[in-house]
Amino acid sequence: MTRTDGRWSVAKLALLLYPFAAAAVAINLFMLGLMGQAIGLPTLSPMLAIWLCLPLGLPAGWLAARWVRGLMDEADGVKHGSQGE
């Protein structure tokens, strides 16, 4: 269904939020690698964290976009019938 009421779709929001979500994933992966040293795991280099964040940023960006879309709908007073959309 095409929206013509000027609302941003989840996909458009996900595209906008992807760089921020991917950066957050990279930072969290790197920090997790540093914490892993305490239990004897090898460290995760910053470059490896960046490479891993590229695909892992997609679901993070999508989830962030769904959350933001829900906040925008709530602010506009739009109700949805099911949570599983």
C-alpha atoms as a PDB file:
ATOM      1  CA  MET A   1       0.000   0.000   0.000  1.00  0.00           C
ATOM      2  CA  THR A   2       1.382   3.406  -0.969  1.00  0.00           C
ATOM      3  CA  ARG A   3       1.162   6.098   1.618  1.00  0.00           C
ATOM      4  CA  THR A   4       0.283   9.542   0.349  1.00  0.00           C
ATOM      5  CA  ASP A   5      -0.302  11.284   3.664  1.00  0.00           C
ATOM      6  CA  GLY A   6       3.330  12.442   4.056  1.00  0.00           C
ATOM      7  CA  ARG A   7       4.251   9.871   6.715  1.00  0.00           C
ATOM      8  CA  TRP A   8       7.725   8.363   6.608  1.00  0.00           C
ATOM      9  CA  SER A   9       7.781   4.617   6.036  1.00  0.00           C
ATOM     10  CA  VAL A  10       9.773   2.294   8.277  1.00  0.00           C
ATOM     11  CA  ALA A  11      12.096   1.532   5.350  1.00  0.00           C
ATOM     12  CA  LYS A  12      12.849   5.213   4.784  1.00  0.00           C
ATOM     13  CA  LEU A  13      13.478   5.726   8.501  1.00  0.00           C
ATOM     14  CA  ALA A  14      15.703   2.625   8.577  1.00  0.00           C
ATOM     15  CA  LEU A  15      17.794   4.023   5.727  1.00  0.00           C
ATOM     16  CA  LEU A  16      18.143   7.308   7.595  1.00  0.00           C
ATOM     17  CA  LEU A  17      19.016   5.650  10.922  1.00  0.00           C
ATOM     18  CA  TYR A  18      21.358   2.951   9.538  1.00  0.00           C
ATOM     19  CA  PRO A  19      24.626   4.927   9.931  1.00  0.00           C
ATOM     20  CA  PHE A  20      23.825   5.685  13.576  1.00  0.00           C
ATOM     21  CA  ALA A  21      22.723   2.139  14.350  1.00  0.00           C
ATOM     22  CA  ALA A  22      25.777   0.653  12.624  1.00  0.00           C
ATOM     23  CA  ALA A  23      28.088   2.993  14.565  1.00  0.00           C
ATOM     24  CA  ALA A  24      26.417   1.982  17.831  1.00  0.00           C
ATOM     25  CA  VAL A  25      26.824  -1.700  16.917  1.00  0.00           C
ATOM     26  CA  ALA A  26      30.526  -1.150  16.125  1.00  0.00           C
ATOM     27  CA  ILE A  27      31.165   0.561  19.455  1.00  0.00           C
ATOM     28  CA  ASN A  28      29.297  -2.133  21.364  1.00  0.00           C
ATOM     29  CA  LEU A  29      31.139  -4.940  19.546  1.00  0.00           C
ATOM     30  CA  PHE A  30      34.505  -3.350  20.274  1.00  0.00           C
ATOM     31  CA  MET A  31      33.625  -2.859  23.952  1.00  0.00           C
ATOM     32  CA  LEU A  32      32.359  -6.430  24.156  1.00  0.00           C
ATOM     33  CA  GLY A  33      35.687  -7.583  22.722  1.00  0.00           C
ATOM     34  CA  LEU A  34      37.523  -5.607  25.392  1.00  0.00           C
ATOM     35  CA  MET A  35      35.379  -7.122  28.137  1.00  0.00           C
ATOM     36  CA  GLY A  36      35.970 -10.556  26.665  1.00  0.00           C
ATOM     37  CA  GLN A  37      39.646 -10.212  27.541  1.00  0.00           C
ATOM     38  CA  ALA A  38      38.701 -10.612  31.205  1.00  0.00           C
ATOM     39  CA  ILE A  39      37.636 -14.208  30.544  1.00  0.00           C
ATOM     40  CA  GLY A  40      40.485 -15.042  28.204  1.00  0.00           C
ATOM     41  CA  LEU A  41      38.944 -14.296  24.800  1.00  0.00           C
ATOM     42  CA  PRO A  42      41.055 -12.542  22.160  1.00  0.00           C
ATOM     43  CA  THR A  43      40.463  -8.853  21.632  1.00  0.00           C
ATOM     44  CA  LEU A  44      38.331  -7.598  18.784  1.00  0.00           C
ATOM     45  CA  SER A  45      40.212  -5.049  16.697  1.00  0.00           C
ATOM     46  CA  PRO A  46      38.487  -1.780  15.832  1.00  0.00           C
ATOM     47  CA  MET A  47      38.630  -2.639  12.112  1.00  0.00           C
ATOM     48  CA  LEU A  48      37.030  -6.039  12.674  1.00  0.00           C
ATOM     49  CA  ALA A  49      34.294  -4.378  14.746  1.00  0.00           C
ATOM     50  CA  ILE A  50      33.640  -1.961  11.872  1.00  0.00           C
ATOM     51  CA  TRP A  51      33.480  -4.787   9.319  1.00  0.00           C
ATOM     52  CA  LEU A  52      31.116  -6.785  11.527  1.00  0.00           C
ATOM     53  CA  CYS A  53      28.868  -3.784  12.138  1.00  0.00           C
ATOM     54  CA  LEU A  54      28.057  -3.384   8.434  1.00  0.00           C
ATOM     55  CA  PRO A  55      25.704  -6.389   8.224  1.00  0.00           C
ATOM     56  CA  LEU A  56      24.695  -6.262  11.899  1.00  0.00           C
ATOM     57  CA  GLY A  57      23.664  -2.620  11.537  1.00  0.00           C
ATOM     58  CA  LEU A  58      20.799  -3.600   9.218  1.00  0.00           C
ATOM     59  CA  PRO A  59      18.581  -5.283  11.830  1.00  0.00           C
ATOM     60  CA  ALA A  60      19.588  -2.669  14.405  1.00  0.00           C
ATOM     61  CA  GLY A  61      18.584   0.127  12.022  1.00  0.00           C
ATOM     62  CA  TRP A  62      15.314  -1.621  11.172  1.00  0.00           C
ATOM     63  CA  LEU A  63      14.414  -2.063  14.845  1.00  0.00           C
ATOM     64  CA  ALA A  64      15.311   1.551  15.587  1.00  0.00           C
ATOM     65  CA  ALA A  65      13.134   2.679  12.665  1.00  0.00           C
ATOM     66  CA  ARG A  66      10.158   0.619  13.904  1.00  0.00           C
ATOM     67  CA  TRP A  67      10.581   2.127  17.364  1.00  0.00           C
ATOM     68  CA  VAL A  68      10.790   5.688  15.984  1.00  0.00           C
ATOM     69  CA  ARG A  69       7.800   5.062  13.652  1.00  0.00           C
ATOM     70  CA  GLY A  70       5.793   3.895  16.684  1.00  0.00           C
ATOM     71  CA  LEU A  71       6.758   7.028  18.604  1.00  0.00           C
ATOM     72  CA  MET A  72       5.773   9.193  15.643  1.00  0.00           C
ATOM     73  CA  ASP A  73       2.445   7.375  15.317  1.00  0.00           C
ATOM     74  CA  GLU A  74       1.809   7.776  19.033  1.00  0.00           C
ATOM     75  CA  ALA A  75       2.562  11.486  18.794  1.00  0.00           C
ATOM     76  CA  ASP A  76       0.148  11.796  15.853  1.00  0.00           C
ATOM     77  CA  GLY A  77      -2.529   9.770  17.622  1.00  0.00           C
ATOM     78  CA  VAL A  78      -2.488   6.959  15.038  1.00  0.00           C
ATOM     79  CA  LYS A  79      -3.627   3.573  16.392  1.00  0.00           C
ATOM     80  CA  HIS A  80      -2.571   0.209  14.975  1.00  0.00           C
ATOM     81  CA  GLY A  81      -4.648  -2.946  15.314  1.00  0.00           C
ATOM     82  CA  SER A  82      -1.798  -5.367  15.966  1.00  0.00           C
ATOM     83  CA  GLN A  83       1.679  -5.138  17.423  1.00  0.00           C
ATOM     84  CA  GLY A  84       3.144  -7.607  14.938  1.00  0.00           C
ATOM     85  CA  GLU A  85       3.172  -5.273  11.941  1.00  0.00           C
END
